[in-house]
Amino acid sequence: MAKKGNRQMMALVCTVCKSQNYLMERNKVNVPDKLDFKKFCSTCRKHQVHKETSKLK
């Protein structure tokens, strides 16, 4: 079995309302820079840009 040593938990936070909406894993070796996605924010009730943060609530 493969080890999960290179994978790191991260949270996606809405850039408009600053609410944490999604939890994801990423490979920190293959993707060294921070990610941003356009995903649905349930607080804003529309698609907004979500950026990566390492602080999990």
PDB file of N, CA and C in Angstrom:
ATOM      1  N   MET A   1       0.824  -1.181   0.000  1.00  0.00           N
ATOM      2  CA  MET A   1       0.000   0.000   0.000  1.00  0.00           C
ATOM      3  C   MET A   1       0.872   1.250   0.000  1.00  0.00           C
ATOM      4  N   ALA A   2       0.365   2.269  -0.606  1.00  0.00           N
ATOM      5  CA  ALA A   2       1.101   3.537  -0.662  1.00  0.00           C
ATOM      6  C   ALA A   2       0.901   4.318   0.632  1.00  0.00           C
ATOM      7  N   LYS A   3       1.946   5.025   1.024  1.00  0.00           N
ATOM      8  CA  LYS A   3       1.853   5.856   2.220  1.00  0.00           C
ATOM      9  C   LYS A   3       1.278   7.213   1.861  1.00  0.00           C
ATOM     10  N   LYS A   4       0.645   7.880   2.820  1.00  0.00           N
ATOM     11  CA  LYS A   4       0.055   9.183   2.575  1.00  0.00           C
ATOM     12  C   LYS A   4       0.924  10.299   3.141  1.00  0.00           C
ATOM     13  N   GLY A   5       2.236  10.134   3.136  1.00  0.00           N
ATOM     14  CA  GLY A   5       3.130  11.098   3.733  1.00  0.00           C
ATOM     15  C   GLY A   5       3.183  12.438   3.020  1.00  0.00           C
ATOM     16  N   ASN A   6       2.967  12.456   1.705  1.00  0.00           N
ATOM     17  CA  ASN A   6       3.069  13.688   0.944  1.00  0.00           C
ATOM     18  C   ASN A   6       1.754  14.464   0.874  1.00  0.00           C
ATOM     19  N   ARG A   7       0.679  13.884   1.344  1.00  0.00           N
ATOM     20  CA  ARG A   7      -0.616  14.544   1.238  1.00  0.00           C
ATOM     21  C   ARG A   7      -0.892  15.381   2.478  1.00  0.00           C
ATOM     22  N   GLN A   8      -1.509  16.546   2.263  1.00  0.00           N
ATOM     23  CA  GLN A   8      -1.734  17.499   3.329  1.00  0.00           C
ATOM     24  C   GLN A   8      -3.190  17.972   3.278  1.00  0.00           C
ATOM     25  N   MET A   9      -3.830  18.030   4.448  1.00  0.00           N
ATOM     26  CA  MET A   9      -5.202  18.540   4.522  1.00  0.00           C
ATOM     27  C   MET A   9      -5.180  20.056   4.404  1.00  0.00           C
ATOM     28  N   MET A  10      -6.161  20.601   3.686  1.00  0.00           N
ATOM     29  CA  MET A  10      -6.281  22.043   3.549  1.00  0.00           C
ATOM     30  C   MET A  10      -7.752  22.412   3.535  1.00  0.00           C
ATOM     31  N   ALA A  11      -8.030  23.658   3.815  1.00  0.00           N
ATOM     32  CA  ALA A  11      -9.393  24.164   3.801  1.00  0.00           C
ATOM     33  C   ALA A  11      -9.502  25.223   2.713  1.00  0.00           C
ATOM     34  N   LEU A  12     -10.681  25.309   2.094  1.00  0.00           N
ATOM     35  CA  LEU A  12     -10.945  26.357   1.118  1.00  0.00           C
ATOM     36  C   LEU A  12     -11.844  27.398   1.765  1.00  0.00           C
ATOM     37  N   VAL A  13     -11.412  28.669   1.700  1.00  0.00           N
ATOM     38  CA  VAL A  13     -12.124  29.768   2.345  1.00  0.00           C
ATOM     39  C   VAL A  13     -12.585  30.734   1.266  1.00  0.00           C
ATOM     40  N   CYS A  14     -13.824  31.175   1.387  1.00  0.00           N
ATOM     41  CA  CYS A  14     -14.398  32.139   0.442  1.00  0.00           C
ATOM     42  C   CYS A  14     -13.668  33.470   0.583  1.00  0.00           C
ATOM     43  N   THR A  15     -13.331  34.086  -0.542  1.00  0.00           N
ATOM     44  CA  THR A  15     -12.609  35.357  -0.502  1.00  0.00           C
ATOM     45  C   THR A  15     -13.530  36.530  -0.187  1.00  0.00           C
ATOM     46  N   VAL A  16     -14.836  36.377  -0.359  1.00  0.00           N
ATOM     47  CA  VAL A  16     -15.769  37.477  -0.121  1.00  0.00           C
ATOM     48  C   VAL A  16     -16.223  37.510   1.331  1.00  0.00           C
ATOM     49  N   CYS A  17     -16.765  36.409   1.839  1.00  0.00           N
ATOM     50  CA  CYS A  17     -17.333  36.393   3.190  1.00  0.00           C
ATOM     51  C   CYS A  17     -16.428  35.725   4.216  1.00  0.00           C
ATOM     52  N   LYS A  18     -15.296  35.162   3.791  1.00  0.00           N
ATOM     53  CA  LYS A  18     -14.295  34.535   4.666  1.00  0.00           C
ATOM     54  C   LYS A  18     -14.824  33.322   5.436  1.00  0.00           C
ATOM     55  N   SER A  19     -15.812  32.633   4.903  1.00  0.00           N
ATOM     56  CA  SER A  19     -16.303  31.420   5.558  1.00  0.00           C
ATOM     57  C   SER A  19     -15.619  30.198   4.956  1.00  0.00           C
ATOM     58  N   GLN A  20     -15.315  29.224   5.811  1.00  0.00           N
ATOM     59  CA  GLN A  20     -14.658  27.993   5.385  1.00  0.00           C
ATOM     60  C   GLN A  20     -15.735  27.021   4.925  1.00  0.00           C
ATOM     61  N   ASN A  21     -15.669  26.607   3.665  1.00  0.00           N
ATOM     62  CA  ASN A  21     -16.732  25.794   3.091  1.00  0.00           C
ATOM     63  C   ASN A  21     -16.303  24.386   2.708  1.00  0.00           C
ATOM     64  N   TYR A  22     -15.047  24.179   2.359  1.00  0.00           N
ATOM     65  CA  TYR A  22     -14.612  22.894   1.829  1.00  0.00           C
ATOM     66  C   TYR A  22     -13.326  22.442   2.495  1.00  0.00           C
ATOM     67  N   LEU A  23     -13.161  21.124   2.644  1.00  0.00           N
ATOM     68  CA  LEU A  23     -11.920  20.501   3.097  1.00  0.00           C
ATOM     69  C   LEU A  23     -11.415  19.610   1.973  1.00  0.00           C
ATOM     70  N   MET A  24     -10.120  19.688   1.690  1.00  0.00           N
ATOM     71  CA  MET A  24      -9.531  18.911   0.606  1.00  0.00           C
ATOM     72  C   MET A  24      -8.157  18.416   1.029  1.00  0.00           C
ATOM     73  N   GLU A  25      -7.623  17.488   0.269  1.00  0.00           N
ATOM     74  CA  GLU A  25      -6.244  17.044   0.401  1.00  0.00           C
ATOM     75  C   GLU A  25      -5.506  17.429  -0.860  1.00  0.00           C
ATOM     76  N   ARG A  26      -4.222  17.751  -0.705  1.00  0.00           N
ATOM     77  CA  ARG A  26      -3.398  18.007  -1.884  1.00  0.00           C
ATOM     78  C   ARG A  26      -2.025  17.406  -1.664  1.00  0.00           C
ATOM     79  N   ASN A  27      -1.369  17.070  -2.736  1.00  0.00           N
ATOM     80  CA  ASN A  27      -0.014  16.536  -2.673  1.00  0.00           C
ATOM     81  C   ASN A  27       0.941  17.714  -2.667  1.00  0.00           C
ATOM     82  N   LYS A  28       1.652  17.925  -1.560  1.00  0.00           N
ATOM     83  CA  LYS A  28       2.507  19.094  -1.440  1.00  0.00           C
ATOM     84  C   LYS A  28       3.784  18.984  -2.257  1.00  0.00           C
ATOM     85  N   VAL A  29       4.108  17.802  -2.786  1.00  0.00           N
ATOM     86  CA  VAL A  29       5.277  17.648  -3.648  1.00  0.00           C
ATOM     87  C   VAL A  29       4.934  18.039  -5.083  1.00  0.00           C
ATOM     88  N   ASN A  30       3.801  17.572  -5.596  1.00  0.00           N
ATOM     89  CA  ASN A  30       3.410  17.837  -6.979  1.00  0.00           C
ATOM     90  C   ASN A  30       2.816  19.228  -7.163  1.00  0.00           C
ATOM     91  N   VAL A  31       2.173  19.777  -6.129  1.00  0.00           N
ATOM     92  CA  VAL A  31       1.525  21.082  -6.220  1.00  0.00           C
ATOM     93  C   VAL A  31       2.093  21.976  -5.119  1.00  0.00           C
ATOM     94  N   PRO A  32       3.220  22.628  -5.352  1.00  0.00           N
ATOM     95  CA  PRO A  32       3.853  23.402  -4.279  1.00  0.00           C
ATOM     96  C   PRO A  32       3.187  24.744  -3.987  1.00  0.00           C
ATOM     97  N   ASP A  33       2.498  25.336  -4.965  1.00  0.00           N
ATOM     98  CA  ASP A  33       1.893  26.649  -4.747  1.00  0.00           C
ATOM     99  C   ASP A  33       0.471  26.522  -4.214  1.00  0.00           C
ATOM    100  N   LYS A  34      -0.075  27.612  -3.701  1.00  0.00           N
ATOM    101  CA  LYS A  34      -1.425  27.600  -3.134  1.00  0.00           C
ATOM    102  C   LYS A  34      -2.466  27.539  -4.241  1.00  0.00           C
ATOM    103  N   LEU A  35      -3.576  26.885  -3.946  1.00  0.00           N
ATOM    104  CA  LEU A  35      -4.634  26.685  -4.927  1.00  0.00           C
ATOM    105  C   LEU A  35      -5.758  27.682  -4.713  1.00  0.00           C
ATOM    106  N   ASP A  36      -6.477  27.963  -5.800  1.00  0.00           N
ATOM    107  CA  ASP A  36      -7.730  28.701  -5.686  1.00  0.00           C
ATOM    108  C   ASP A  36      -8.707  28.139  -6.714  1.00  0.00           C
ATOM    109  N   PHE A  37      -9.938  27.981  -6.277  1.00  0.00           N
ATOM    110  CA  PHE A  37     -10.995  27.395  -7.092  1.00  0.00           C
ATOM    111  C   PHE A  37     -12.203  28.312  -7.086  1.00  0.00           C
ATOM    112  N   LYS A  38     -13.014  28.227  -8.123  1.00  0.00           N
ATOM    113  CA  LYS A  38     -14.287  28.917  -8.141  1.00  0.00           C
ATOM    114  C   LYS A  38     -15.347  27.883  -7.775  1.00  0.00           C
ATOM    115  N   LYS A  39     -15.861  27.982  -6.540  1.00  0.00           N
ATOM    116  CA  LYS A  39     -16.806  27.004  -6.011  1.00  0.00           C
ATOM    117  C   LYS A  39     -18.006  27.733  -5.413  1.00  0.00           C
ATOM    118  N   PHE A  40     -19.058  26.975  -5.102  1.00  0.00           N
ATOM    119  CA  PHE A  40     -20.284  27.553  -4.559  1.00  0.00           C
ATOM    120  C   PHE A  40     -20.112  27.851  -3.075  1.00  0.00           C
ATOM    121  N   CYS A  41     -20.458  29.065  -2.669  1.00  0.00           N
ATOM    122  CA  CYS A  41     -20.421  29.462  -1.265  1.00  0.00           C
ATOM    123  C   CYS A  41     -21.863  29.470  -0.758  1.00  0.00           C
ATOM    124  N   SER A  42     -22.126  28.693   0.290  1.00  0.00           N
ATOM    125  CA  SER A  42     -23.492  28.602   0.807  1.00  0.00           C
ATOM    126  C   SER A  42     -23.898  29.859   1.572  1.00  0.00           C
ATOM    127  N   THR A  43     -22.939  30.627   2.085  1.00  0.00           N
ATOM    128  CA  THR A  43     -23.262  31.866   2.789  1.00  0.00           C
ATOM    129  C   THR A  43     -23.620  32.977   1.803  1.00  0.00           C
ATOM    130  N   CYS A  44     -22.817  33.123   0.755  1.00  0.00           N
ATOM    131  CA  CYS A  44     -23.086  34.133  -0.280  1.00  0.00           C
ATOM    132  C   CYS A  44     -24.176  33.685  -1.255  1.00  0.00           C
ATOM    133  N   ARG A  45     -24.401  32.371  -1.324  1.00  0.00           N
ATOM    134  CA  ARG A  45     -25.365  31.745  -2.216  1.00  0.00           C
ATOM    135  C   ARG A  45     -25.077  32.002  -3.692  1.00  0.00           C
ATOM    136  N   LYS A  46     -23.779  32.004  -4.048  1.00  0.00           N
ATOM    137  CA  LYS A  46     -23.355  32.079  -5.446  1.00  0.00           C
ATOM    138  C   LYS A  46     -21.936  31.554  -5.571  1.00  0.00           C
ATOM    139  N   HIS A  47     -21.477  31.380  -6.782  1.00  0.00           N
ATOM    140  CA  HIS A  47     -20.124  30.887  -7.026  1.00  0.00           C
ATOM    141  C   HIS A  47     -19.125  32.013  -6.795  1.00  0.00           C
ATOM    142  N   GLN A  48     -18.158  31.758  -5.914  1.00  0.00           N
ATOM    143  CA  GLN A  48     -17.121  32.726  -5.574  1.00  0.00           C
ATOM    144  C   GLN A  48     -15.758  32.031  -5.642  1.00  0.00           C
ATOM    145  N   VAL A  49     -14.713  32.803  -5.661  1.00  0.00           N
ATOM    146  CA  VAL A  49     -13.358  32.257  -5.637  1.00  0.00           C
ATOM    147  C   VAL A  49     -13.034  31.848  -4.202  1.00  0.00           C
ATOM    148  N   HIS A  50     -12.551  30.607  -4.038  1.00  0.00           N
ATOM    149  CA  HIS A  50     -12.146  30.077  -2.744  1.00  0.00           C
ATOM    150  C   HIS A  50     -10.639  29.860  -2.775  1.00  0.00           C
ATOM    151  N   LYS A  51      -9.931  30.311  -1.746  1.00  0.00           N
ATOM    152  CA  LYS A  51      -8.491  30.153  -1.673  1.00  0.00           C
ATOM    153  C   LYS A  51      -8.118  29.184  -0.567  1.00  0.00           C
ATOM    154  N   GLU A  52      -6.944  28.612  -0.725  1.00  0.00           N
ATOM    155  CA  GLU A  52      -6.446  27.600   0.210  1.00  0.00           C
ATOM    156  C   GLU A  52      -5.936  28.240   1.505  1.00  0.00           C
ATOM    157  N   THR A  53      -6.222  27.608   2.626  1.00  0.00           N
ATOM    158  CA  THR A  53      -5.645  27.975   3.905  1.00  0.00           C
ATOM    159  C   THR A  53      -5.322  26.693   4.659  1.00  0.00           C
ATOM    160  N   SER A  54      -4.336  26.747   5.528  1.00  0.00           N
ATOM    161  CA  SER A  54      -3.954  25.559   6.263  1.00  0.00           C
ATOM    162  C   SER A  54      -4.652  25.471   7.627  1.00  0.00           C
ATOM    163  N   LYS A  55      -5.325  26.546   8.050  1.00  0.00           N
ATOM    164  CA  LYS A  55      -6.021  26.546   9.331  1.00  0.00           C
ATOM    165  C   LYS A  55      -7.366  25.858   9.166  1.00  0.00           C
ATOM    166  N   LEU A  56      -7.552  24.761   9.885  1.00  0.00           N
ATOM    167  CA  LEU A  56      -8.796  24.008   9.832  1.00  0.00           C
ATOM    168  C   LEU A  56      -9.643  24.348  11.046  1.00  0.00           C
ATOM    169  N   LYS A  57     -10.923  24.587  10.832  1.00  0.00           N
ATOM    170  CA  LYS A  57     -11.831  24.903  11.936  1.00  0.00           C
ATOM    171  C   LYS A  57     -12.507  23.660  12.430  1.00  0.00           C
TER     172      LYS A  57
END
